[in-house]
Amino acid sequence: MKDWHLAIMAEKIMGIQEIVEQALRNGYLTPTQEAEVGRICDKATELSVEEYMALDRLMGALLTGQVVAVPRKQFINVMEELVLTEAITRIAVIEAEQDCALDLGDIAAYALNRLPPLYATTEEGAQYQRQRAEEELMDLIRAQVQEAINHSMARPQFHPERAALGKTSGKEVFSQVSSLLQTYATDYERPAGETSQ
């Protein structure tokens, strides 16, 4: 464990020349190494001749295929798409029938935390995961979304009497503030000569 930690620390403080030497030895340039070279170049006001030569060697090796740049993978969780679609459909029906507003993000997160992820890195993989989910997991998805909605609707609304300032008149706001002051500032003393209204 200690050696692994030291290796990570050494990689973090590598300079351009060390990164290039490692890439040439391994035959590939990782996204982390690429980002570190970019960070060093952005931070430095001027690179040394040795650093320019190392970058030139790296560029040549990348062009000839001696070193391959490992691409960054983009992962998608197909389950997110399926849960959102189901939640949006259910919420629309409930909000049309009842006078309530449900939080799509809360409901989707609640359901997703109780469902298995379905990751894919390509569109073909995503299509496979979608088809698999539709065949094997739709009942589970529907059940978890419904449970999330039930959970959301069962939560108490804190201060449902609150209204946005734009929905109240100036007199109502003044009256509310005045009422709050009378309730919470009962011991407030007015300066001499000031009278209550």
N, C-alpha and C. Protein backbone atom coordinates (compact mmCIF):
# COMPACT_ATOMS: atom_id res chain seq x y z
N MET A 1 0.83 -1.19 0.00
CA MET A 1 0.00 0.00 0.00
C MET A 1 0.87 1.25 0.00
N LYS A 2 1.97 1.20 0.78
CA LYS A 2 2.87 2.34 0.88
C LYS A 2 3.52 2.63 -0.47
N ASP A 3 3.99 1.56 -1.17
CA ASP A 3 4.64 1.72 -2.47
C ASP A 3 3.69 2.32 -3.50
N TRP A 4 2.41 1.87 -3.45
CA TRP A 4 1.40 2.40 -4.37
C TRP A 4 1.21 3.89 -4.15
N HIS A 5 1.14 4.30 -2.87
CA HIS A 5 0.97 5.71 -2.53
C HIS A 5 2.16 6.54 -3.01
N LEU A 6 3.37 6.00 -2.84
CA LEU A 6 4.56 6.72 -3.30
C LEU A 6 4.57 6.84 -4.82
N ALA A 7 4.13 5.80 -5.51
CA ALA A 7 4.09 5.84 -6.98
C ALA A 7 3.13 6.93 -7.45
N ILE A 8 1.97 7.06 -6.77
CA ILE A 8 1.00 8.10 -7.15
C ILE A 8 1.59 9.47 -6.89
N MET A 9 2.25 9.64 -5.75
CA MET A 9 2.86 10.94 -5.43
C MET A 9 3.94 11.30 -6.46
N ALA A 10 4.74 10.31 -6.87
CA ALA A 10 5.79 10.56 -7.85
C ALA A 10 5.18 10.99 -9.18
N GLU A 11 4.06 10.33 -9.57
CA GLU A 11 3.41 10.68 -10.83
C GLU A 11 2.86 12.10 -10.78
N LYS A 12 2.36 12.51 -9.59
CA LYS A 12 1.78 13.84 -9.46
C LYS A 12 2.82 14.94 -9.62
N ILE A 13 4.08 14.67 -9.25
CA ILE A 13 5.08 15.73 -9.33
C ILE A 13 6.00 15.57 -10.55
N MET A 14 5.64 14.69 -11.45
CA MET A 14 6.44 14.50 -12.66
C MET A 14 6.45 15.75 -13.51
N GLY A 15 7.57 15.96 -14.15
CA GLY A 15 7.67 17.04 -15.11
C GLY A 15 7.37 16.52 -16.50
N ILE A 16 7.43 17.40 -17.47
CA ILE A 16 7.13 17.03 -18.85
C ILE A 16 8.06 15.92 -19.34
N GLN A 17 9.37 16.05 -19.05
CA GLN A 17 10.31 15.04 -19.55
C GLN A 17 10.00 13.66 -18.98
N GLU A 18 9.70 13.58 -17.69
CA GLU A 18 9.39 12.28 -17.07
C GLU A 18 8.11 11.68 -17.66
N ILE A 19 7.12 12.53 -17.88
CA ILE A 19 5.86 12.05 -18.45
C ILE A 19 6.09 11.51 -19.86
N VAL A 20 6.88 12.22 -20.65
CA VAL A 20 7.16 11.78 -22.01
C VAL A 20 7.94 10.46 -21.99
N GLU A 21 8.95 10.35 -21.11
CA GLU A 21 9.73 9.11 -21.01
C GLU A 21 8.82 7.94 -20.63
N GLN A 22 7.93 8.16 -19.69
CA GLN A 22 7.02 7.10 -19.27
C GLN A 22 6.08 6.70 -20.42
N ALA A 23 5.56 7.69 -21.15
CA ALA A 23 4.67 7.41 -22.28
C ALA A 23 5.41 6.63 -23.36
N LEU A 24 6.67 6.98 -23.62
CA LEU A 24 7.46 6.26 -24.62
C LEU A 24 7.74 4.82 -24.16
N ARG A 25 8.02 4.64 -22.88
CA ARG A 25 8.26 3.29 -22.34
C ARG A 25 7.00 2.42 -22.42
N ASN A 26 5.85 3.02 -22.03
CA ASN A 26 4.60 2.25 -21.96
C ASN A 26 3.91 2.10 -23.32
N GLY A 27 4.15 3.05 -24.21
CA GLY A 27 3.50 3.01 -25.52
C GLY A 27 2.14 3.69 -25.54
N TYR A 28 1.78 4.34 -24.44
CA TYR A 28 0.51 5.07 -24.40
C TYR A 28 0.61 6.28 -23.47
N LEU A 29 -0.24 7.26 -23.75
CA LEU A 29 -0.34 8.48 -22.95
C LEU A 29 -1.72 8.49 -22.32
N THR A 30 -1.77 8.45 -21.00
CA THR A 30 -3.07 8.41 -20.32
C THR A 30 -3.71 9.79 -20.29
N PRO A 31 -5.02 9.87 -20.09
CA PRO A 31 -5.67 11.17 -19.96
C PRO A 31 -5.10 12.00 -18.81
N THR A 32 -4.70 11.33 -17.72
CA THR A 32 -4.10 12.04 -16.58
C THR A 32 -2.77 12.65 -16.98
N GLN A 33 -1.95 11.90 -17.69
CA GLN A 33 -0.65 12.42 -18.14
C GLN A 33 -0.85 13.59 -19.11
N GLU A 34 -1.80 13.42 -20.01
CA GLU A 34 -2.09 14.50 -20.98
C GLU A 34 -2.53 15.76 -20.25
N ALA A 35 -3.39 15.61 -19.26
CA ALA A 35 -3.87 16.77 -18.50
C ALA A 35 -2.73 17.42 -17.72
N GLU A 36 -1.82 16.59 -17.18
CA GLU A 36 -0.69 17.15 -16.42
C GLU A 36 0.25 17.94 -17.32
N VAL A 37 0.51 17.42 -18.52
CA VAL A 37 1.34 18.17 -19.48
C VAL A 37 0.67 19.50 -19.81
N GLY A 38 -0.64 19.47 -20.05
CA GLY A 38 -1.37 20.71 -20.33
C GLY A 38 -1.31 21.69 -19.17
N ARG A 39 -1.44 21.16 -17.94
CA ARG A 39 -1.40 22.02 -16.76
C ARG A 39 -0.02 22.68 -16.61
N ILE A 40 1.04 21.89 -16.84
CA ILE A 40 2.40 22.43 -16.73
C ILE A 40 2.62 23.52 -17.78
N CYS A 41 2.17 23.23 -19.01
CA CYS A 41 2.35 24.21 -20.09
C CYS A 41 1.55 25.49 -19.82
N ASP A 42 0.34 25.36 -19.28
CA ASP A 42 -0.47 26.54 -18.99
C ASP A 42 0.12 27.37 -17.85
N LYS A 43 0.70 26.68 -16.86
CA LYS A 43 1.22 27.35 -15.67
C LYS A 43 2.56 28.03 -15.92
N ALA A 44 3.37 27.41 -16.76
CA ALA A 44 4.72 27.93 -16.99
C ALA A 44 4.70 29.18 -17.85
N THR A 45 5.50 30.14 -17.46
CA THR A 45 5.62 31.34 -18.29
C THR A 45 6.49 31.05 -19.50
N GLU A 46 7.48 30.15 -19.31
CA GLU A 46 8.34 29.76 -20.42
C GLU A 46 8.87 28.36 -20.15
N LEU A 47 8.85 27.52 -21.16
CA LEU A 47 9.37 26.16 -21.02
C LEU A 47 10.85 26.13 -21.35
N SER A 48 11.56 25.18 -20.74
CA SER A 48 12.99 25.03 -21.02
C SER A 48 13.17 24.35 -22.38
N VAL A 49 14.41 24.39 -22.89
CA VAL A 49 14.73 23.75 -24.16
C VAL A 49 14.47 22.24 -24.05
N GLU A 50 14.84 21.66 -22.90
CA GLU A 50 14.62 20.22 -22.69
C GLU A 50 13.13 19.87 -22.74
N GLU A 51 12.30 20.73 -22.13
CA GLU A 51 10.86 20.47 -22.15
C GLU A 51 10.29 20.57 -23.56
N TYR A 52 10.75 21.56 -24.34
CA TYR A 52 10.32 21.67 -25.74
C TYR A 52 10.74 20.43 -26.54
N MET A 53 11.95 19.96 -26.28
CA MET A 53 12.45 18.78 -27.00
C MET A 53 11.63 17.54 -26.61
N ALA A 54 11.27 17.42 -25.33
CA ALA A 54 10.46 16.29 -24.88
C ALA A 54 9.07 16.34 -25.54
N LEU A 55 8.48 17.53 -25.60
CA LEU A 55 7.17 17.68 -26.24
C LEU A 55 7.27 17.33 -27.73
N ASP A 56 8.35 17.71 -28.37
CA ASP A 56 8.56 17.40 -29.79
C ASP A 56 8.66 15.88 -29.98
N ARG A 57 9.39 15.20 -29.09
CA ARG A 57 9.50 13.74 -29.16
C ARG A 57 8.13 13.09 -28.97
N LEU A 58 7.36 13.61 -28.01
CA LEU A 58 6.02 13.07 -27.76
C LEU A 58 5.13 13.25 -28.98
N MET A 59 5.17 14.44 -29.58
CA MET A 59 4.34 14.70 -30.76
C MET A 59 4.72 13.76 -31.90
N GLY A 60 6.01 13.56 -32.11
CA GLY A 60 6.46 12.64 -33.16
C GLY A 60 6.01 11.22 -32.88
N ALA A 61 6.11 10.80 -31.62
CA ALA A 61 5.70 9.44 -31.25
C ALA A 61 4.19 9.26 -31.42
N LEU A 62 3.42 10.29 -31.12
CA LEU A 62 1.96 10.22 -31.30
C LEU A 62 1.61 10.15 -32.78
N LEU A 63 2.33 10.92 -33.61
CA LEU A 63 2.06 10.93 -35.05
C LEU A 63 2.43 9.61 -35.72
N THR A 64 3.49 8.97 -35.26
CA THR A 64 3.92 7.70 -35.87
C THR A 64 3.21 6.49 -35.28
N GLY A 65 2.50 6.68 -34.18
CA GLY A 65 1.82 5.57 -33.55
C GLY A 65 2.66 4.84 -32.53
N GLN A 66 3.88 5.31 -32.30
CA GLN A 66 4.73 4.70 -31.28
C GLN A 66 4.09 4.85 -29.90
N VAL A 67 3.39 5.98 -29.70
CA VAL A 67 2.63 6.23 -28.47
C VAL A 67 1.18 6.48 -28.89
N VAL A 68 0.26 5.85 -28.17
CA VAL A 68 -1.16 6.01 -28.45
C VAL A 68 -1.78 6.79 -27.30
N ALA A 69 -2.58 7.80 -27.64
CA ALA A 69 -3.29 8.56 -26.61
C ALA A 69 -4.53 7.77 -26.22
N VAL A 70 -4.63 7.44 -24.94
CA VAL A 70 -5.79 6.69 -24.44
C VAL A 70 -6.95 7.67 -24.34
N PRO A 71 -8.06 7.40 -25.04
CA PRO A 71 -9.17 8.36 -25.02
C PRO A 71 -9.89 8.34 -23.69
N ARG A 72 -10.47 9.48 -23.35
CA ARG A 72 -11.33 9.55 -22.16
C ARG A 72 -12.64 8.87 -22.51
N LYS A 73 -13.10 8.04 -21.63
CA LYS A 73 -14.36 7.34 -21.85
C LYS A 73 -15.51 8.19 -21.33
N GLN A 74 -16.57 8.22 -22.09
CA GLN A 74 -17.79 8.87 -21.64
C GLN A 74 -18.76 7.78 -21.23
N PHE A 75 -19.20 7.83 -19.99
CA PHE A 75 -20.12 6.83 -19.47
C PHE A 75 -21.50 7.44 -19.32
N ILE A 76 -22.50 6.67 -19.67
CA ILE A 76 -23.87 7.12 -19.40
C ILE A 76 -24.57 6.01 -18.63
N ASN A 77 -25.45 6.42 -17.74
CA ASN A 77 -26.25 5.48 -16.98
C ASN A 77 -27.64 5.48 -17.61
N VAL A 78 -27.95 4.46 -18.37
CA VAL A 78 -29.22 4.36 -19.09
C VAL A 78 -30.40 4.37 -18.11
N MET A 79 -30.16 3.90 -16.89
CA MET A 79 -31.22 3.87 -15.88
C MET A 79 -31.74 5.28 -15.60
N GLU A 80 -30.88 6.29 -15.65
CA GLU A 80 -31.32 7.67 -15.42
C GLU A 80 -32.39 8.08 -16.44
N GLU A 81 -32.14 7.77 -17.69
CA GLU A 81 -33.09 8.09 -18.77
C GLU A 81 -34.43 7.39 -18.54
N LEU A 82 -34.38 6.11 -18.19
CA LEU A 82 -35.60 5.33 -17.99
C LEU A 82 -36.39 5.83 -16.78
N VAL A 83 -35.70 6.15 -15.70
CA VAL A 83 -36.37 6.64 -14.49
C VAL A 83 -36.97 8.02 -14.75
N LEU A 84 -36.22 8.90 -15.41
CA LEU A 84 -36.75 10.24 -15.70
C LEU A 84 -37.99 10.18 -16.57
N THR A 85 -37.97 9.33 -17.59
CA THR A 85 -39.12 9.19 -18.48
C THR A 85 -40.35 8.73 -17.70
N GLU A 86 -40.16 7.72 -16.87
CA GLU A 86 -41.27 7.20 -16.06
C GLU A 86 -41.76 8.25 -15.06
N ALA A 87 -40.82 8.93 -14.39
CA ALA A 87 -41.19 9.93 -13.38
C ALA A 87 -41.93 11.11 -14.01
N ILE A 88 -41.48 11.58 -15.14
CA ILE A 88 -42.13 12.71 -15.82
C ILE A 88 -43.56 12.35 -16.18
N THR A 89 -43.76 11.15 -16.72
CA THR A 89 -45.10 10.69 -17.09
C THR A 89 -46.02 10.64 -15.88
N ARG A 90 -45.54 10.03 -14.80
CA ARG A 90 -46.36 9.89 -13.59
C ARG A 90 -46.66 11.24 -12.95
N ILE A 91 -45.65 12.09 -12.86
CA ILE A 91 -45.82 13.41 -12.22
C ILE A 91 -46.82 14.25 -12.99
N ALA A 92 -46.76 14.21 -14.32
CA ALA A 92 -47.69 14.99 -15.15
C ALA A 92 -49.13 14.60 -14.85
N VAL A 93 -49.40 13.30 -14.71
CA VAL A 93 -50.76 12.83 -14.42
C VAL A 93 -51.19 13.30 -13.03
N ILE A 94 -50.32 13.15 -12.04
CA ILE A 94 -50.67 13.54 -10.67
C ILE A 94 -50.91 15.04 -10.57
N GLU A 95 -50.05 15.84 -11.16
CA GLU A 95 -50.19 17.29 -11.08
C GLU A 95 -51.43 17.78 -11.83
N ALA A 96 -51.83 17.06 -12.88
CA ALA A 96 -53.05 17.42 -13.61
C ALA A 96 -54.30 17.10 -12.80
N GLU A 97 -54.25 16.02 -12.01
CA GLU A 97 -55.41 15.59 -11.23
C GLU A 97 -55.50 16.26 -9.86
N GLN A 98 -54.37 16.59 -9.29
CA GLN A 98 -54.35 17.16 -7.93
C GLN A 98 -53.67 18.52 -7.96
N ASP A 99 -53.97 19.30 -6.95
CA ASP A 99 -53.35 20.61 -6.84
C ASP A 99 -52.07 20.48 -6.02
N CYS A 100 -51.00 20.02 -6.67
CA CYS A 100 -49.73 19.86 -5.97
C CYS A 100 -48.60 20.00 -6.99
N ALA A 101 -47.41 20.26 -6.47
CA ALA A 101 -46.22 20.34 -7.31
C ALA A 101 -45.20 19.36 -6.75
N LEU A 102 -44.73 18.46 -7.58
CA LEU A 102 -43.75 17.46 -7.16
C LEU A 102 -42.38 17.80 -7.73
N ASP A 103 -41.34 17.49 -6.99
CA ASP A 103 -39.96 17.79 -7.40
C ASP A 103 -39.40 16.60 -8.17
N LEU A 104 -39.25 16.76 -9.48
CA LEU A 104 -38.76 15.70 -10.35
C LEU A 104 -37.38 15.21 -9.91
N GLY A 105 -36.49 16.12 -9.57
CA GLY A 105 -35.13 15.74 -9.17
C GLY A 105 -35.12 14.87 -7.93
N ASP A 106 -35.91 15.25 -6.92
CA ASP A 106 -35.98 14.45 -5.69
C ASP A 106 -36.53 13.06 -5.96
N ILE A 107 -37.57 12.99 -6.77
CA ILE A 107 -38.21 11.71 -7.07
C ILE A 107 -37.27 10.81 -7.86
N ALA A 108 -36.61 11.37 -8.88
CA ALA A 108 -35.68 10.58 -9.69
C ALA A 108 -34.50 10.09 -8.83
N ALA A 109 -33.95 10.96 -7.99
CA ALA A 109 -32.82 10.55 -7.15
C ALA A 109 -33.22 9.45 -6.18
N TYR A 110 -34.39 9.58 -5.58
CA TYR A 110 -34.88 8.57 -4.64
C TYR A 110 -34.98 7.21 -5.34
N ALA A 111 -35.58 7.19 -6.52
CA ALA A 111 -35.75 5.93 -7.26
C ALA A 111 -34.39 5.38 -7.73
N LEU A 112 -33.53 6.25 -8.25
CA LEU A 112 -32.23 5.79 -8.75
C LEU A 112 -31.36 5.18 -7.66
N ASN A 113 -31.48 5.69 -6.45
CA ASN A 113 -30.71 5.14 -5.33
C ASN A 113 -31.16 3.73 -4.96
N ARG A 114 -32.29 3.31 -5.48
CA ARG A 114 -32.83 1.99 -5.16
C ARG A 114 -32.86 1.07 -6.38
N LEU A 115 -32.23 1.48 -7.44
CA LEU A 115 -32.21 0.68 -8.67
C LEU A 115 -30.76 0.41 -9.10
N PRO A 116 -30.53 -0.68 -9.83
CA PRO A 116 -29.17 -0.95 -10.30
C PRO A 116 -28.80 -0.01 -11.45
N PRO A 117 -27.55 0.45 -11.50
CA PRO A 117 -27.13 1.29 -12.63
C PRO A 117 -26.98 0.43 -13.89
N LEU A 118 -27.18 1.06 -15.03
CA LEU A 118 -27.01 0.40 -16.33
C LEU A 118 -26.09 1.26 -17.19
N TYR A 119 -24.79 1.12 -16.98
CA TYR A 119 -23.82 1.97 -17.67
C TYR A 119 -23.52 1.47 -19.08
N ALA A 120 -23.24 2.42 -19.95
CA ALA A 120 -22.83 2.10 -21.32
C ALA A 120 -21.84 3.17 -21.78
N THR A 121 -20.95 2.77 -22.69
CA THR A 121 -19.97 3.73 -23.22
C THR A 121 -20.21 4.04 -24.69
N THR A 122 -21.09 3.27 -25.34
CA THR A 122 -21.40 3.51 -26.76
C THR A 122 -22.91 3.52 -26.93
N GLU A 123 -23.35 4.01 -28.06
CA GLU A 123 -24.79 4.01 -28.34
C GLU A 123 -25.31 2.59 -28.48
N GLU A 124 -24.48 1.69 -29.04
CA GLU A 124 -24.88 0.29 -29.15
C GLU A 124 -25.07 -0.32 -27.77
N GLY A 125 -24.13 -0.01 -26.87
CA GLY A 125 -24.23 -0.51 -25.50
C GLY A 125 -25.45 0.05 -24.78
N ALA A 126 -25.73 1.34 -25.02
CA ALA A 126 -26.89 1.97 -24.41
C ALA A 126 -28.18 1.34 -24.92
N GLN A 127 -28.23 1.04 -26.22
CA GLN A 127 -29.41 0.40 -26.79
C GLN A 127 -29.62 -0.98 -26.19
N TYR A 128 -28.53 -1.72 -26.01
CA TYR A 128 -28.61 -3.04 -25.38
C TYR A 128 -29.14 -2.92 -23.95
N GLN A 129 -28.62 -1.96 -23.19
CA GLN A 129 -29.05 -1.77 -21.80
C GLN A 129 -30.53 -1.36 -21.74
N ARG A 130 -30.97 -0.49 -22.67
CA ARG A 130 -32.38 -0.09 -22.72
C ARG A 130 -33.28 -1.29 -22.96
N GLN A 131 -32.90 -2.09 -23.96
CA GLN A 131 -33.70 -3.26 -24.31
C GLN A 131 -33.75 -4.24 -23.14
N ARG A 132 -32.62 -4.45 -22.49
CA ARG A 132 -32.56 -5.34 -21.34
C ARG A 132 -33.46 -4.83 -20.22
N ALA A 133 -33.40 -3.53 -19.96
CA ALA A 133 -34.22 -2.94 -18.90
C ALA A 133 -35.70 -3.05 -19.22
N GLU A 134 -36.06 -2.79 -20.48
CA GLU A 134 -37.48 -2.88 -20.87
C GLU A 134 -38.00 -4.31 -20.73
N GLU A 135 -37.14 -5.29 -20.97
CA GLU A 135 -37.57 -6.69 -20.86
C GLU A 135 -37.57 -7.19 -19.42
N GLU A 136 -36.60 -6.76 -18.62
CA GLU A 136 -36.40 -7.36 -17.31
C GLU A 136 -36.67 -6.44 -16.11
N LEU A 137 -36.60 -5.13 -16.30
CA LEU A 137 -36.59 -4.24 -15.14
C LEU A 137 -37.70 -3.20 -15.08
N MET A 138 -38.59 -3.15 -16.07
CA MET A 138 -39.60 -2.09 -16.10
C MET A 138 -40.54 -2.14 -14.90
N ASP A 139 -40.93 -3.33 -14.46
CA ASP A 139 -41.80 -3.43 -13.28
C ASP A 139 -41.10 -2.85 -12.05
N LEU A 140 -39.82 -3.17 -11.91
CA LEU A 140 -39.04 -2.65 -10.79
C LEU A 140 -38.89 -1.12 -10.88
N ILE A 141 -38.65 -0.61 -12.08
CA ILE A 141 -38.52 0.84 -12.29
C ILE A 141 -39.83 1.53 -11.92
N ARG A 142 -40.94 1.01 -12.43
CA ARG A 142 -42.25 1.61 -12.11
C ARG A 142 -42.51 1.60 -10.61
N ALA A 143 -42.19 0.49 -9.97
CA ALA A 143 -42.43 0.36 -8.53
C ALA A 143 -41.59 1.37 -7.74
N GLN A 144 -40.33 1.54 -8.13
CA GLN A 144 -39.44 2.46 -7.39
C GLN A 144 -39.84 3.92 -7.63
N VAL A 145 -40.27 4.24 -8.85
CA VAL A 145 -40.73 5.60 -9.12
C VAL A 145 -42.00 5.88 -8.32
N GLN A 146 -42.92 4.91 -8.27
CA GLN A 146 -44.14 5.09 -7.49
C GLN A 146 -43.83 5.26 -6.01
N GLU A 147 -42.88 4.46 -5.50
CA GLU A 147 -42.48 4.59 -4.10
C GLU A 147 -41.87 5.98 -3.84
N ALA A 148 -41.09 6.46 -4.79
CA ALA A 148 -40.48 7.79 -4.65
C ALA A 148 -41.56 8.88 -4.62
N ILE A 149 -42.57 8.74 -5.47
CA ILE A 149 -43.67 9.71 -5.50
C ILE A 149 -44.44 9.66 -4.18
N ASN A 150 -44.74 8.45 -3.71
CA ASN A 150 -45.45 8.30 -2.43
C ASN A 150 -44.65 8.94 -1.30
N HIS A 151 -43.36 8.70 -1.29
CA HIS A 151 -42.49 9.28 -0.26
C HIS A 151 -42.51 10.80 -0.33
N SER A 152 -42.45 11.34 -1.54
CA SER A 152 -42.45 12.79 -1.73
C SER A 152 -43.77 13.41 -1.28
N MET A 153 -44.88 12.74 -1.61
CA MET A 153 -46.19 13.29 -1.26
C MET A 153 -46.49 13.15 0.23
N ALA A 154 -45.85 12.19 0.90
CA ALA A 154 -46.09 11.98 2.33
C ALA A 154 -45.29 12.95 3.21
N ARG A 155 -44.28 13.58 2.62
CA ARG A 155 -43.48 14.53 3.41
C ARG A 155 -44.31 15.75 3.73
N PRO A 156 -44.19 16.24 4.95
CA PRO A 156 -44.95 17.46 5.28
C PRO A 156 -44.38 18.67 4.54
N GLN A 157 -45.26 19.58 4.21
CA GLN A 157 -44.82 20.82 3.59
C GLN A 157 -44.49 21.78 4.71
N PHE A 158 -43.27 22.27 4.71
CA PHE A 158 -42.88 23.22 5.73
C PHE A 158 -43.35 24.60 5.33
N HIS A 159 -44.11 25.21 6.20
CA HIS A 159 -44.63 26.56 6.01
C HIS A 159 -45.39 26.70 4.69
N PRO A 160 -46.47 25.91 4.49
CA PRO A 160 -47.23 26.00 3.24
C PRO A 160 -47.92 27.35 3.10
N GLU A 161 -48.03 28.10 4.21
CA GLU A 161 -48.68 29.41 4.14
C GLU A 161 -47.78 30.47 3.50
N ARG A 162 -46.52 30.16 3.31
CA ARG A 162 -45.62 31.14 2.72
C ARG A 162 -46.04 31.43 1.28
N ALA A 163 -45.87 32.69 0.90
CA ALA A 163 -46.16 33.09 -0.47
C ALA A 163 -44.98 33.89 -0.99
N ALA A 164 -44.75 33.79 -2.26
CA ALA A 164 -43.67 34.58 -2.85
C ALA A 164 -44.02 36.05 -2.74
N LEU A 165 -42.99 36.89 -2.58
CA LEU A 165 -43.24 38.32 -2.41
C LEU A 165 -43.98 38.92 -3.59
N GLY A 166 -43.75 38.40 -4.77
CA GLY A 166 -44.42 38.94 -5.95
C GLY A 166 -45.92 38.70 -5.94
N LYS A 167 -46.39 37.76 -5.13
CA LYS A 167 -47.81 37.41 -5.10
C LYS A 167 -48.57 38.18 -4.01
N THR A 168 -47.89 39.00 -3.27
CA THR A 168 -48.54 39.77 -2.21
C THR A 168 -48.34 41.25 -2.47
N SER A 169 -49.27 42.05 -1.99
CA SER A 169 -49.16 43.49 -2.19
C SER A 169 -48.20 44.07 -1.16
N GLY A 170 -47.82 45.32 -1.37
CA GLY A 170 -46.92 46.01 -0.45
C GLY A 170 -47.52 46.12 0.94
N LYS A 171 -48.84 46.39 1.02
CA LYS A 171 -49.50 46.50 2.32
C LYS A 171 -49.47 45.17 3.06
N GLU A 172 -49.67 44.06 2.32
CA GLU A 172 -49.65 42.74 2.96
C GLU A 172 -48.26 42.41 3.49
N VAL A 173 -47.22 42.76 2.72
CA VAL A 173 -45.85 42.52 3.17
C VAL A 173 -45.58 43.34 4.42
N PHE A 174 -45.95 44.61 4.41
CA PHE A 174 -45.74 45.48 5.57
C PHE A 174 -46.48 44.92 6.78
N SER A 175 -47.72 44.45 6.57
CA SER A 175 -48.51 43.89 7.65
C SER A 175 -47.85 42.63 8.22
N GLN A 176 -47.31 41.77 7.33
CA GLN A 176 -46.64 40.55 7.78
C GLN A 176 -45.39 40.89 8.58
N VAL A 177 -44.59 41.82 8.09
CA VAL A 177 -43.37 42.22 8.79
C VAL A 177 -43.72 42.85 10.12
N SER A 178 -44.73 43.71 10.14
CA SER A 178 -45.16 44.36 11.37
C SER A 178 -45.62 43.32 12.39
N SER A 179 -46.38 42.33 11.94
CA SER A 179 -46.85 41.27 12.82
C SER A 179 -45.69 40.47 13.39
N LEU A 180 -44.71 40.15 12.54
CA LEU A 180 -43.53 39.43 13.01
C LEU A 180 -42.76 40.23 14.05
N LEU A 181 -42.61 41.54 13.80
CA LEU A 181 -41.89 42.38 14.75
C LEU A 181 -42.62 42.44 16.09
N GLN A 182 -43.93 42.54 16.04
CA GLN A 182 -44.69 42.59 17.29
C GLN A 182 -44.56 41.29 18.06
N THR A 183 -44.49 40.17 17.32
CA THR A 183 -44.39 38.87 17.97
C THR A 183 -43.00 38.64 18.56
N TYR A 184 -41.96 38.94 17.77
CA TYR A 184 -40.61 38.59 18.18
C TYR A 184 -39.81 39.72 18.81
N ALA A 185 -40.29 40.93 18.71
CA ALA A 185 -39.54 42.07 19.27
C ALA A 185 -40.41 42.80 20.29
N THR A 186 -41.00 42.04 21.18
CA THR A 186 -41.92 42.64 22.16
C THR A 186 -41.21 43.58 23.13
N ASP A 187 -39.93 43.35 23.38
CA ASP A 187 -39.21 44.18 24.34
C ASP A 187 -38.47 45.34 23.68
N TYR A 188 -38.73 45.54 22.39
CA TYR A 188 -38.06 46.63 21.69
C TYR A 188 -38.58 47.97 22.20
N GLU A 189 -37.67 48.87 22.53
CA GLU A 189 -38.08 50.20 23.01
C GLU A 189 -37.86 51.20 21.89
N ARG A 190 -38.88 52.03 21.68
CA ARG A 190 -38.77 53.07 20.66
C ARG A 190 -37.92 54.21 21.20
N PRO A 191 -37.16 54.85 20.32
CA PRO A 191 -36.42 56.05 20.76
C PRO A 191 -37.38 57.13 21.26
N ALA A 192 -36.90 57.97 22.12
CA ALA A 192 -37.72 59.01 22.71
C ALA A 192 -38.34 59.88 21.60
N GLY A 193 -39.62 60.20 21.75
CA GLY A 193 -40.31 61.06 20.78
C GLY A 193 -40.98 60.28 19.67
N GLU A 194 -40.68 58.98 19.48
CA GLU A 194 -41.30 58.19 18.41
C GLU A 194 -42.57 57.54 18.94
N THR A 195 -43.63 57.63 18.17
CA THR A 195 -44.91 57.06 18.59
C THR A 195 -45.29 55.91 17.67
N SER A 196 -46.14 55.02 18.18
CA SER A 196 -46.60 53.90 17.35
C SER A 196 -47.70 54.38 16.43
N GLN A 197 -47.86 53.70 15.31
CA GLN A 197 -48.88 54.09 14.33
C GLN A 197 -50.02 53.13 14.34
